[in-house]
Amino acid sequence: MSILIKNGLVVDGTGEKAYKADVLIEDDRIKQIGEIENVEGAEVIDAEGLVVAPGFIDTHSHSDLDVLIKPEVLPKVMQGVTTEFLGQDGISMAPLPKKYISPWRKNLAGLDGVSDEIDWEYETTDNYLKMIEDVEPGLNECYLVPHGNIRMEAMGLDNRLPTEEEMQKMRDITEREMQAGAWGLSTGLIYMPCAYGETEEIIEMCKVVAEHDGAFVTHQRSEADTILESMEEVIEIGRKSGVKVHISHFKVCGKKNWPKIDKVEELLEEAQKEGIPTSFDQYPYVAGSTMLGVILPPWVHDGGTDKVLERLKDPELRKKMIHDIENGIPGWDNFIEFAGFDGIFITSVNKEHNKDVVGLSLTELGEKWGKDPYNATFDLLLDEENAVGMVDFYGTEEHVIRFMKRPEMNACTDGLLSPGKPHPRLFGSFPRILGKYVREEKAFTLEEAIKKMTKKPATTFGIKDRGELKEGYFADITVFNPDTIIDKGTYQDPVQYPEGIEHVIINGKLTIKNGEHTGNRSGRVLRMNKQ
């Protein structure tokens, strides 16, 4: 099968200046770029006035469960994403020993959702990836093996240090999952059980990852009060293990911490000078999103979700939670302290009788239920078994642009595929960068932006033959209108596809044609050691 894209403005992903050219696709590869006469039998796409770019690569995604249920992954392909990374934040689908299925599903619910539609007894990353292959995903899927899953398989969900035997088991599990095709190790050092791990534990696993030339991808231990110490820990892990370091959804949270930005940038530069490969991804919004349970002090999570629910039932422990939130705990990112009850909004619940609180701030939740915001929030978490999503406002547009322009940056969505009102980044991150920050604010050039969406992430993670428009590369291509492209979703009404994405081709097949989904699902599971 051949597709001929005519008359487009080619932005090839390298950062070099755009140029007019035609692009010929044969089967799943780019056959030719240049001035091409009509090819017999080829489907012709007239791209006059449009940009022809490599397909966008989303390095931080939470489609882990959703891809098995809705394999088209429309929120991503409709914004031009052709490859995404699963397994983020140290808690994901695999590995998953059978005895931990029940508590782990509850732990996952706030990030990846809930479902009884799949068989949860897959156990390993290899089997999980085969399940994705079997449903024929709509885009290319890469997987990072999560620290929390490894820790759970090796030593359970308790808050303690591993024995040497358990540490060796973590190394062995990491090796097994890297051989299965994982692109690296992820961790989320504010999430349980990842937060129970100390630096040396992560270094030991990262030594295994480094042997495979994989990446260490981290939601670092603090993005707020102790961000400098947190950054130093991340760099130390890279230094002592030899692993490539990639920091997730890079930001500095809370007004009182904004003066630390200069030093944060200095640490990035010092790491590079030292020879530690360091990069980060970022979504283009001033609000973040995660599970509401992160507002609880770390000790509340000890032992998993069932223990959380027991503690939320105890009035005396609730008083201790409130005390710790109001007074802080050293090294803990206190979301209520830096975002406030007014700056945290509920995005998703599972139970029908709670649907009317979606979209409310925690202050408004308290007012609606006639309680103080602490106990209203605790009651909601208890009733929903901790499966509640949230949006929190943390920064400024100035800081978003400042980090976006840095050479270490590549774009991502960090899209949480939760019901209700998810963060609008799920539907609009890539078009927002191209419409708001390139066309409207001229923060950087179109060529620079496309590189941050394509070749930069492909190079960071070592994805071969993708991320660039080049003869012989896989035909993952996004065609968009530079004059109209923009995100449409808002925090109040986020479930809206963007404007301006005209055509998306994945492995040589049209997935989006004239802005509409074709029904094609031509994505593949990309395994690092089997490219």
Protein backbone atom coordinates (compact mmCIF):
# COMPACT_ATOMS: atom_id res chain seq x y z
CA MET A 1 0.00 0.00 0.00
CA SER A 2 1.31 3.47 -0.94
CA ILE A 3 0.42 6.94 0.31
CA LEU A 4 1.74 10.09 -1.37
CA ILE A 5 1.65 13.31 0.67
CA LYS A 6 1.94 16.22 -1.80
CA ASN A 7 2.86 19.89 -1.42
CA GLY A 8 3.40 19.91 2.35
CA LEU A 9 5.80 21.94 4.46
CA VAL A 10 8.15 19.29 5.85
CA VAL A 11 9.39 19.83 9.41
CA ASP A 12 11.54 16.73 9.72
CA GLY A 13 12.15 16.59 13.49
CA THR A 14 15.85 17.42 13.39
CA GLY A 15 15.37 21.10 14.21
CA GLU A 16 16.54 22.11 10.73
CA LYS A 17 14.55 24.68 8.74
CA ALA A 18 11.28 23.55 7.19
CA TYR A 19 11.11 22.94 3.45
CA LYS A 20 8.50 22.15 0.79
CA ALA A 21 8.50 18.53 -0.32
CA ASP A 22 6.41 15.47 -1.09
CA VAL A 23 6.58 12.30 1.00
CA LEU A 24 6.01 8.81 -0.42
CA ILE A 25 5.10 5.96 1.91
CA GLU A 26 5.26 2.32 0.89
CA ASP A 27 3.96 -0.29 3.30
CA ASP A 28 5.15 0.80 6.78
CA ARG A 29 8.17 2.91 5.74
CA ILE A 30 9.01 6.28 4.23
CA LYS A 31 10.17 5.47 0.69
CA GLN A 32 11.10 8.92 -0.62
CA ILE A 33 11.11 12.61 0.31
CA GLY A 34 11.46 15.24 -2.40
CA GLU A 35 9.69 16.25 -5.59
CA ILE A 36 7.69 13.16 -6.50
CA GLU A 37 5.49 12.58 -9.52
CA ASN A 38 2.16 10.83 -9.03
CA VAL A 39 2.62 7.17 -8.12
CA GLU A 40 0.27 4.64 -9.65
CA GLY A 41 -2.13 3.20 -7.09
CA ALA A 42 -1.02 5.53 -4.30
CA GLU A 43 -3.55 7.31 -2.12
CA VAL A 44 -2.82 11.02 -2.51
CA ILE A 45 -3.06 13.51 0.36
CA ASP A 46 -2.90 17.18 -0.65
CA ALA A 47 -0.98 18.90 2.16
CA GLU A 48 -0.88 22.39 0.62
CA GLY A 49 -0.74 24.87 3.51
CA LEU A 50 -0.15 22.07 6.01
CA VAL A 51 2.87 20.93 8.03
CA VAL A 52 4.10 17.37 7.57
CA ALA A 53 5.93 16.23 10.72
CA PRO A 54 7.02 13.00 12.37
CA GLY A 55 4.35 11.49 14.59
CA PHE A 56 4.49 12.91 18.11
CA ILE A 57 6.00 10.78 20.91
CA ASP A 58 4.35 11.04 24.33
CA THR A 59 6.95 10.01 26.91
CA HIS A 60 4.57 10.12 29.88
CA SER A 61 1.22 8.41 29.52
CA HIS A 62 -1.26 6.54 31.68
CA SER A 63 -3.08 4.52 29.01
CA ASP A 64 -1.84 1.33 30.70
CA LEU A 65 -5.30 -0.12 31.39
CA ASP A 66 -7.30 1.89 28.89
CA VAL A 67 -5.35 0.57 25.89
CA LEU A 68 -6.70 -2.92 26.66
CA ILE A 69 -10.30 -1.68 26.80
CA LYS A 70 -10.33 1.11 24.21
CA PRO A 71 -7.32 0.22 22.04
CA GLU A 72 -7.88 3.12 19.63
CA VAL A 73 -6.58 5.46 22.40
CA LEU A 74 -8.39 8.33 20.70
CA PRO A 75 -7.30 11.10 23.11
CA LYS A 76 -3.74 10.53 21.90
CA VAL A 77 -4.07 9.82 18.16
CA MET A 78 -6.52 12.70 17.70
CA GLN A 79 -3.76 15.09 18.84
CA GLY A 80 -1.13 13.55 16.57
CA VAL A 81 0.57 11.14 19.00
CA THR A 82 1.81 7.97 17.30
CA THR A 83 3.95 6.48 20.12
CA GLU A 84 3.50 6.62 23.90
CA PHE A 85 5.29 5.36 27.02
CA LEU A 86 3.34 3.38 29.62
CA GLY A 87 4.41 2.20 33.09
CA GLN A 88 4.98 5.62 34.58
CA ASP A 89 5.36 6.86 38.18
CA GLY A 90 6.50 3.51 39.55
CA ILE A 91 3.00 2.00 39.73
CA SER A 92 1.46 0.30 36.73
CA MET A 93 0.08 -2.96 35.39
CA ALA A 94 3.04 -5.35 35.43
CA PRO A 95 4.59 -7.27 36.99
CA LEU A 96 1.64 -8.29 39.15
CA PRO A 97 1.79 -11.48 41.25
CA LYS A 98 -1.64 -13.09 41.59
CA LYS A 99 -1.74 -12.71 45.37
CA TYR A 100 -1.51 -8.92 45.08
CA ILE A 101 -4.14 -8.39 42.37
CA SER A 102 -6.84 -7.06 44.72
CA PRO A 103 -4.81 -4.49 46.70
CA TRP A 104 -2.86 -3.42 43.62
CA ARG A 105 -5.97 -2.74 41.57
CA LYS A 106 -7.10 -0.37 44.31
CA ASN A 107 -3.68 1.31 44.33
CA LEU A 108 -3.83 1.78 40.55
CA ALA A 109 -7.36 3.11 40.42
CA GLY A 110 -6.54 6.80 40.90
CA LEU A 111 -4.00 6.83 38.04
CA ASP A 112 -5.16 4.25 35.51
CA GLY A 113 -8.82 3.65 36.35
CA VAL A 114 -10.71 0.45 37.18
CA SER A 115 -12.07 -2.38 35.04
CA ASP A 116 -13.40 -5.91 35.31
CA GLU A 117 -13.22 -6.34 31.54
CA ILE A 118 -9.73 -7.84 31.44
CA ASP A 119 -8.08 -10.94 32.83
CA TRP A 120 -5.78 -9.67 35.60
CA GLU A 121 -3.82 -12.92 35.96
CA TYR A 122 -1.08 -12.09 33.45
CA GLU A 123 1.66 -11.78 36.13
CA THR A 124 4.61 -10.54 34.02
CA THR A 125 5.48 -7.65 31.72
CA ASP A 126 5.92 -10.06 28.81
CA ASN A 127 2.36 -11.36 29.21
CA TYR A 128 0.97 -7.85 29.69
CA LEU A 129 2.63 -6.66 26.49
CA LYS A 130 1.26 -9.69 24.63
CA MET A 131 -2.23 -8.67 25.81
CA ILE A 132 -1.69 -5.24 24.24
CA GLU A 133 -0.52 -6.86 21.00
CA ASP A 134 -3.62 -9.07 20.96
CA VAL A 135 -6.02 -6.09 21.08
CA GLU A 136 -4.15 -4.39 18.16
CA PRO A 137 -3.41 -0.97 19.68
CA GLY A 138 -4.12 2.23 17.80
CA LEU A 139 -0.62 3.61 18.36
CA ASN A 140 2.83 2.32 19.24
CA GLU A 141 3.23 1.37 22.90
CA CYS A 142 6.46 1.33 24.94
CA TYR A 143 6.68 0.16 28.54
CA LEU A 144 8.77 1.16 31.57
CA VAL A 145 8.95 -1.41 34.35
CA PRO A 146 7.68 0.23 37.56
CA HIS A 147 9.71 0.29 40.78
CA GLY A 148 6.58 -0.19 42.91
CA ASN A 149 5.55 -3.35 41.07
CA ILE A 150 9.05 -4.79 41.40
CA ARG A 151 9.14 -3.99 45.12
CA MET A 152 5.70 -5.51 45.64
CA GLU A 153 6.68 -8.78 43.94
CA ALA A 154 9.95 -8.98 45.88
CA MET A 155 8.83 -7.93 49.38
CA GLY A 156 5.17 -6.90 49.53
CA LEU A 157 3.67 -3.50 50.34
CA ASP A 158 5.10 -2.78 53.77
CA ASN A 159 7.16 0.27 54.72
CA ARG A 160 10.58 -1.22 55.42
CA LEU A 161 13.99 -1.70 53.84
CA PRO A 162 14.67 -4.84 51.80
CA THR A 163 16.86 -7.64 53.08
CA GLU A 164 19.84 -8.52 50.88
CA GLU A 165 17.89 -11.49 49.57
CA GLU A 166 14.96 -9.23 48.68
CA MET A 167 17.30 -6.71 47.07
CA GLN A 168 18.72 -9.46 44.89
CA LYS A 169 15.19 -10.47 43.96
CA MET A 170 14.49 -6.88 42.87
CA ARG A 171 17.60 -6.96 40.67
CA ASP A 172 16.48 -10.26 39.17
CA ILE A 173 12.94 -9.02 38.47
CA THR A 174 14.35 -5.87 36.86
CA GLU A 175 16.56 -8.03 34.63
CA ARG A 176 13.62 -10.24 33.66
CA GLU A 177 11.43 -7.28 32.73
CA MET A 178 14.19 -5.49 30.82
CA GLN A 179 14.70 -8.66 28.79
CA ALA A 180 10.95 -8.67 28.10
CA GLY A 181 11.35 -5.34 26.33
CA ALA A 182 11.00 -2.60 28.95
CA TRP A 183 12.71 0.68 28.02
CA GLY A 184 13.81 1.41 31.55
CA LEU A 185 12.69 1.70 35.16
CA SER A 186 10.12 4.19 36.40
CA THR A 187 9.53 5.34 39.93
CA GLY A 188 7.16 7.69 41.70
CA LEU A 189 8.79 8.65 44.95
CA ILE A 190 5.65 10.26 46.36
CA TYR A 191 3.61 7.10 45.73
CA MET A 192 3.50 3.96 47.82
CA PRO A 193 5.32 1.60 47.92
CA CYS A 194 7.98 3.46 45.88
CA ALA A 195 8.37 6.12 48.57
CA TYR A 196 9.51 3.45 51.02
CA GLY A 197 12.60 2.78 48.91
CA GLU A 198 15.82 4.59 49.74
CA THR A 199 18.40 5.85 47.28
CA GLU A 200 20.62 2.76 47.39
CA GLU A 201 17.68 0.50 46.51
CA ILE A 202 17.02 2.48 43.35
CA ILE A 203 20.72 2.61 42.44
CA GLU A 204 20.91 -1.19 42.56
CA MET A 205 17.98 -1.61 40.18
CA CYS A 206 19.29 1.14 37.91
CA LYS A 207 22.62 -0.69 37.56
CA VAL A 208 20.66 -3.47 35.86
CA VAL A 209 18.82 -0.95 33.68
CA ALA A 210 22.11 0.70 32.68
CA GLU A 211 23.46 -2.64 31.43
CA HIS A 212 20.61 -2.60 28.88
CA ASP A 213 21.15 1.11 28.06
CA GLY A 214 17.70 1.82 29.48
CA ALA A 215 16.49 4.97 31.20
CA PHE A 216 15.64 5.81 34.80
CA VAL A 217 12.37 7.78 34.63
CA THR A 218 11.38 9.42 37.89
CA HIS A 219 8.59 11.35 39.49
CA GLN A 220 11.14 12.69 41.91
CA ARG A 221 10.73 12.63 45.67
CA SER A 222 9.86 16.32 45.84
CA GLU A 223 8.70 18.94 43.37
CA ALA A 224 8.22 21.48 46.15
CA ASP A 225 9.94 22.29 49.47
CA THR A 226 12.82 19.81 49.17
CA ILE A 227 13.21 19.85 45.40
CA LEU A 228 16.92 20.67 45.56
CA GLU A 229 17.66 17.67 47.76
CA SER A 230 15.42 15.61 45.53
CA MET A 231 17.30 16.69 42.40
CA GLU A 232 20.59 15.82 44.08
CA GLU A 233 19.25 12.34 44.84
CA VAL A 234 18.22 11.81 41.20
CA ILE A 235 21.65 12.92 39.98
CA GLU A 236 23.36 10.67 42.51
CA ILE A 237 21.37 7.71 41.19
CA GLY A 238 22.58 8.51 37.69
CA ARG A 239 26.16 9.01 38.88
CA LYS A 240 26.43 5.76 40.86
CA SER A 241 24.48 3.48 38.53
CA GLY A 242 25.55 4.82 35.13
CA VAL A 243 21.92 5.03 34.01
CA LYS A 244 20.37 7.70 31.79
CA VAL A 245 18.21 10.02 33.93
CA HIS A 246 14.84 11.35 32.77
CA ILE A 247 12.71 13.44 35.14
CA SER A 248 8.93 13.24 34.73
CA HIS A 249 6.62 16.27 34.35
CA PHE A 250 9.30 18.75 35.40
CA LYS A 251 8.09 21.63 37.58
CA VAL A 252 8.62 23.57 40.81
CA CYS A 253 5.47 23.67 42.95
CA GLY A 254 4.37 26.41 45.30
CA LYS A 255 5.05 30.14 45.28
CA LYS A 256 7.51 29.98 48.17
CA ASN A 257 9.64 27.52 46.16
CA TRP A 258 9.84 29.51 42.93
CA PRO A 259 13.08 31.26 44.01
CA LYS A 260 14.71 27.80 43.83
CA ILE A 261 14.27 27.60 40.05
CA ASP A 262 17.70 29.12 39.32
CA LYS A 263 19.41 26.49 41.47
CA VAL A 264 17.28 23.72 39.93
CA GLU A 265 18.52 24.72 36.49
CA GLU A 266 22.09 24.86 37.78
CA LEU A 267 21.78 21.27 38.98
CA LEU A 268 20.60 20.17 35.54
CA GLU A 269 23.61 21.84 33.95
CA GLU A 270 26.05 20.44 36.50
CA ALA A 271 24.78 16.92 35.83
CA GLN A 272 25.31 17.35 32.10
CA LYS A 273 28.84 18.70 32.64
CA GLU A 274 29.58 15.69 34.81
CA GLY A 275 28.59 13.42 31.93
CA ILE A 276 25.30 12.19 33.41
CA PRO A 277 22.74 12.06 30.56
CA THR A 278 19.85 14.10 31.96
CA SER A 279 16.53 15.02 30.37
CA PHE A 280 12.95 15.75 31.36
CA ASP A 281 9.44 15.88 29.98
CA GLN A 282 6.79 18.53 30.58
CA TYR A 283 3.12 19.18 29.83
CA PRO A 284 2.14 22.77 28.88
CA TYR A 285 -0.20 23.68 31.73
CA VAL A 286 0.07 25.41 35.12
CA ALA A 287 -1.89 22.68 36.89
CA GLY A 288 -0.98 19.07 37.56
CA SER A 289 -3.12 16.00 38.07
CA THR A 290 -2.84 12.82 40.09
CA MET A 291 -4.79 10.75 42.61
CA LEU A 292 -6.35 12.65 45.50
CA GLY A 293 -4.86 10.21 48.01
CA VAL A 294 -1.48 11.95 47.72
CA ILE A 295 -2.78 14.65 50.09
CA LEU A 296 -2.55 12.07 52.91
CA PRO A 297 0.70 11.86 54.91
CA PRO A 298 2.99 9.00 53.82
CA TRP A 299 2.43 6.88 56.92
CA VAL A 300 -1.27 6.58 56.06
CA HIS A 301 -0.36 4.51 52.99
CA ASP A 302 1.80 1.96 54.81
CA GLY A 303 0.58 -1.54 53.83
CA GLY A 304 -1.51 -0.54 50.83
CA THR A 305 -5.00 0.77 50.12
CA ASP A 306 -6.83 -1.54 52.54
CA LYS A 307 -4.75 -0.11 55.40
CA VAL A 308 -5.44 3.44 54.16
CA LEU A 309 -9.17 2.78 54.43
CA GLU A 310 -8.83 1.35 57.94
CA ARG A 311 -6.95 4.46 59.08
CA LEU A 312 -9.50 6.80 57.47
CA LYS A 313 -12.18 5.18 59.63
CA ASP A 314 -10.31 6.04 62.85
CA PRO A 315 -11.21 9.52 64.27
CA GLU A 316 -7.99 9.74 66.27
CA LEU A 317 -5.84 8.94 63.22
CA ARG A 318 -7.76 11.56 61.26
CA LYS A 319 -6.67 14.13 63.85
CA LYS A 320 -3.07 13.02 63.37
CA MET A 321 -3.45 13.33 59.58
CA ILE A 322 -4.74 16.88 59.94
CA HIS A 323 -1.90 17.73 62.32
CA ASP A 324 0.71 16.42 59.88
CA ILE A 325 -0.86 18.22 56.91
CA GLU A 326 -0.99 21.52 58.81
CA ASN A 327 2.52 21.21 60.25
CA GLY A 328 4.26 19.29 57.47
CA ILE A 329 6.62 16.32 57.48
CA PRO A 330 10.25 16.83 56.37
CA GLY A 331 10.77 15.61 52.80
CA TRP A 332 7.05 15.17 52.06
CA ASP A 333 5.36 17.11 49.25
CA ASN A 334 2.32 18.56 50.99
CA PHE A 335 -0.19 19.30 48.21
CA ILE A 336 -2.60 21.17 50.47
CA GLU A 337 0.23 23.41 51.65
CA PHE A 338 1.32 24.47 48.16
CA ALA A 339 -2.00 24.32 46.24
CA GLY A 340 -4.55 24.96 49.01
CA PHE A 341 -8.06 23.55 49.35
CA ASP A 342 -9.16 26.16 46.79
CA GLY A 343 -6.55 24.99 44.26
CA ILE A 344 -7.34 21.26 44.30
CA PHE A 345 -10.31 20.08 42.22
CA ILE A 346 -11.94 16.62 42.05
CA THR A 347 -11.73 15.16 38.53
CA SER A 348 -13.09 11.62 38.87
CA VAL A 349 -14.96 9.22 41.14
CA ASN A 350 -16.34 5.72 40.52
CA LYS A 351 -19.58 5.68 42.50
CA GLU A 352 -22.71 7.14 40.95
CA HIS A 353 -23.87 8.86 44.14
CA ASN A 354 -20.64 10.92 44.20
CA LYS A 355 -20.73 12.10 40.57
CA ASP A 356 -22.09 15.48 41.64
CA VAL A 357 -18.82 16.39 43.39
CA VAL A 358 -16.72 16.08 40.21
CA GLY A 359 -15.43 19.54 39.31
CA LEU A 360 -15.64 20.88 42.88
CA SER A 361 -12.66 22.21 44.82
CA LEU A 362 -11.99 20.64 48.22
CA THR A 363 -13.33 23.84 49.79
CA GLU A 364 -16.54 23.49 47.78
CA LEU A 365 -16.76 19.80 48.69
CA GLY A 366 -16.70 20.72 52.38
CA GLU A 367 -19.37 23.38 51.87
CA LYS A 368 -21.59 20.98 49.91
CA TRP A 369 -21.36 18.28 52.55
CA GLY A 370 -21.52 20.64 55.52
CA LYS A 371 -18.12 19.61 56.88
CA ASP A 372 -14.65 21.02 57.17
CA PRO A 373 -12.65 20.32 53.98
CA TYR A 374 -10.35 17.84 55.74
CA ASN A 375 -13.09 15.48 56.87
CA ALA A 376 -15.11 15.94 53.69
CA THR A 377 -12.05 14.87 51.71
CA PHE A 378 -11.34 11.95 54.05
CA ASP A 379 -14.97 10.82 53.74
CA LEU A 380 -14.82 10.93 49.95
CA LEU A 381 -11.57 8.95 49.84
CA LEU A 382 -13.03 6.37 52.22
CA ASP A 383 -16.29 5.99 50.31
CA GLU A 384 -14.47 5.72 46.96
CA GLU A 385 -11.80 3.34 48.33
CA ASN A 386 -9.13 5.92 47.43
CA ALA A 387 -10.06 5.90 43.71
CA VAL A 388 -10.43 9.67 43.27
CA GLY A 389 -8.62 11.86 40.76
CA MET A 390 -7.68 15.50 41.19
CA VAL A 391 -6.21 18.58 39.48
CA ASP A 392 -3.93 20.91 41.46
CA PHE A 393 -2.68 24.36 40.50
CA TYR A 394 1.02 24.85 41.23
CA GLY A 395 2.84 27.33 38.94
CA THR A 396 2.86 30.18 36.41
CA GLU A 397 2.89 30.53 32.62
CA GLU A 398 6.30 32.19 32.88
CA HIS A 399 7.75 29.06 34.49
CA VAL A 400 6.06 26.75 31.98
CA ILE A 401 7.74 28.63 29.13
CA ARG A 402 11.08 28.83 30.93
CA PHE A 403 11.33 25.05 31.34
CA MET A 404 9.84 24.38 27.90
CA LYS A 405 12.68 26.26 26.22
CA ARG A 406 15.39 24.27 27.98
CA PRO A 407 17.41 21.82 25.83
CA GLU A 408 16.64 18.89 28.15
CA MET A 409 12.88 19.22 27.57
CA ASN A 410 10.57 17.07 25.48
CA ALA A 411 6.79 17.26 25.42
CA CYS A 412 4.36 14.87 27.11
CA THR A 413 0.71 14.66 28.16
CA ASP A 414 0.86 12.81 31.49
CA GLY A 415 -2.72 12.05 30.47
CA LEU A 416 -4.76 10.28 33.13
CA LEU A 417 -7.52 8.33 31.38
CA SER A 418 -9.97 8.64 34.23
CA PRO A 419 -13.74 9.12 33.91
CA GLY A 420 -15.35 12.41 34.87
CA LYS A 421 -13.35 15.56 34.16
CA PRO A 422 -9.73 14.58 33.45
CA HIS A 423 -6.98 17.16 33.10
CA PRO A 424 -7.28 18.79 29.63
CA ARG A 425 -3.65 17.80 28.91
CA LEU A 426 -4.98 14.32 28.06
CA PHE A 427 -6.59 15.73 24.92
CA GLY A 428 -4.54 18.79 24.09
CA SER A 429 -0.89 18.92 25.18
CA PHE A 430 0.80 18.74 21.78
CA PRO A 431 -1.62 21.04 19.88
CA ARG A 432 -1.42 23.51 22.79
CA ILE A 433 2.34 23.81 22.42
CA LEU A 434 2.05 24.37 18.66
CA GLY A 435 -0.89 26.77 18.86
CA LYS A 436 -0.35 28.73 22.07
CA TYR A 437 3.41 28.68 22.60
CA VAL A 438 4.68 28.60 19.01
CA ARG A 439 2.07 30.47 16.93
CA GLU A 440 0.60 32.86 19.50
CA GLU A 441 3.40 33.53 22.00
CA LYS A 442 6.38 32.75 19.76
CA ALA A 443 8.24 31.23 22.72
CA PHE A 444 10.28 29.19 20.23
CA THR A 445 10.18 28.15 16.58
CA LEU A 446 8.01 25.55 14.92
CA GLU A 447 11.12 23.53 14.10
CA GLU A 448 12.30 23.57 17.73
CA ALA A 449 8.87 22.54 18.99
CA ILE A 450 8.56 19.63 16.57
CA LYS A 451 12.03 18.38 17.54
CA LYS A 452 10.94 18.37 21.21
CA MET A 453 7.93 16.24 20.22
CA THR A 454 9.73 13.77 17.95
CA LYS A 455 13.47 13.30 17.54
CA LYS A 456 14.34 14.50 21.05
CA PRO A 457 12.30 11.81 22.86
CA ALA A 458 13.28 9.16 20.31
CA THR A 459 16.96 9.93 20.92
CA THR A 460 16.53 10.12 24.71
CA PHE A 461 15.05 6.63 24.90
CA GLY A 462 16.86 5.05 21.95
CA ILE A 463 13.86 4.42 19.69
CA LYS A 464 15.24 3.40 16.31
CA ASP A 465 13.90 4.55 12.93
CA ARG A 466 11.21 6.81 14.39
CA GLY A 467 10.98 10.44 15.47
CA GLU A 468 12.27 11.85 12.18
CA LEU A 469 11.05 12.17 8.61
CA LYS A 470 13.79 10.28 6.84
CA GLU A 471 13.87 7.81 4.00
CA GLY A 472 13.81 4.26 5.37
CA TYR A 473 12.26 5.29 8.71
CA PHE A 474 8.88 3.99 9.85
CA ALA A 475 5.97 6.01 8.47
CA ASP A 476 4.66 7.58 11.67
CA ILE A 477 3.53 10.99 10.41
CA THR A 478 1.31 13.81 11.67
CA VAL A 479 -0.06 16.41 9.23
CA PHE A 480 -1.52 19.57 10.77
CA ASN A 481 -2.64 23.09 9.96
CA PRO A 482 -0.20 25.52 11.61
CA ASP A 483 -2.73 28.37 11.38
CA THR A 484 -5.52 26.61 13.30
CA ILE A 485 -3.95 23.99 15.53
CA ILE A 486 -4.93 24.48 19.16
CA ASP A 487 -6.21 22.58 22.19
CA LYS A 488 -9.93 22.98 22.96
CA GLY A 489 -10.38 21.38 26.38
CA THR A 490 -10.73 23.43 29.55
CA TYR A 491 -10.63 22.40 33.21
CA GLN A 492 -14.41 22.75 33.28
CA ASP A 493 -14.99 20.93 29.96
CA PRO A 494 -11.82 18.94 29.20
CA VAL A 495 -13.16 16.15 26.99
CA GLN A 496 -12.68 17.90 23.65
CA TYR A 497 -10.46 16.92 20.75
CA PRO A 498 -8.14 19.64 19.42
CA GLU A 499 -8.41 21.57 16.19
CA GLY A 500 -5.97 21.44 13.31
CA ILE A 501 -4.83 17.80 13.25
CA GLU A 502 -5.71 16.79 9.69
CA HIS A 503 -4.06 13.41 9.10
CA VAL A 504 -2.19 10.88 11.24
CA ILE A 505 -0.34 7.92 9.74
CA ILE A 506 0.92 5.10 11.99
CA ASN A 507 3.19 2.41 10.54
CA GLY A 508 2.08 3.41 7.05
CA LYS A 509 -1.67 3.35 7.63
CA LEU A 510 -4.03 6.31 7.86
CA THR A 511 -5.43 6.48 11.37
CA ILE A 512 -6.79 10.04 11.13
CA LYS A 513 -8.00 11.29 7.72
CA ASN A 514 -9.38 14.80 7.29
CA GLY A 515 -9.67 15.08 11.07
CA GLU A 516 -11.71 11.90 11.50
CA HIS A 517 -10.69 8.51 12.87
CA THR A 518 -10.62 5.86 10.14
CA GLY A 519 -11.01 2.85 12.41
CA ASN A 520 -7.49 1.64 11.61
CA ARG A 521 -5.46 0.32 14.53
CA SER A 522 -1.96 -0.11 13.19
CA GLY A 523 0.13 0.50 16.29
CA ARG A 524 2.67 -1.96 17.63
CA VAL A 525 4.23 -2.87 20.94
CA LEU A 526 7.81 -1.60 20.72
CA ARG A 527 10.20 -3.65 22.84
CA MET A 528 13.57 -2.10 23.53
CA ASN A 529 15.65 -5.19 22.89
CA LYS A 530 13.64 -6.30 19.84
CA GLN A 531 13.57 -3.21 17.62
